[in-house]
Amino acid sequence: MDMTRIWLRPFVFVALLMLGAATAHAAAFDHDMVSDTGRLVQNVGRHSDQDHARDAVREGRVLPLGKVLRRVQQRVPGRMLDANLIEQGDRSIYLIKMITRDGSVALVSADAVTGDILGIRQGGH
């Protein structure tokens, strides 16, 4: 067996472990916020969540994500990682996952109709 392969094995193993831990942390972080805030908009028939959100924007029921994101970035400077439109009772809410400039993750909830920031929850790195 090639010595380079033997030498690289521990590094590959550690990298895979780190990737698994990061994925598990992100999934747990998402699950906690969704259960605290509301339920994800379920697919209706063959419509996807994305179709639902696009229809809501087109019909004027919610603001476009880009407009809300500009307000979010004023409070949480960084880059958007993910966004979901959820319904909580009769209220539409954007859940926006941000990575901040220092590398930490923040989950922001914003009213999808007004764009008001409802809450900011800081995660880990």
Foldseek 3Di string as FASTA:
>chain_A
DDPVVVVCVVVVVVVVVVVVVVVVQVVVVVVVVCVVPHHADDDDDPRDQVNVVVVCCVVLVFPDPVVLVVVVCVVAPFAWDDWGWHDHPNFIWIWTWGQGPVGWIKTWIAGRNPSHTPDIDTDGD
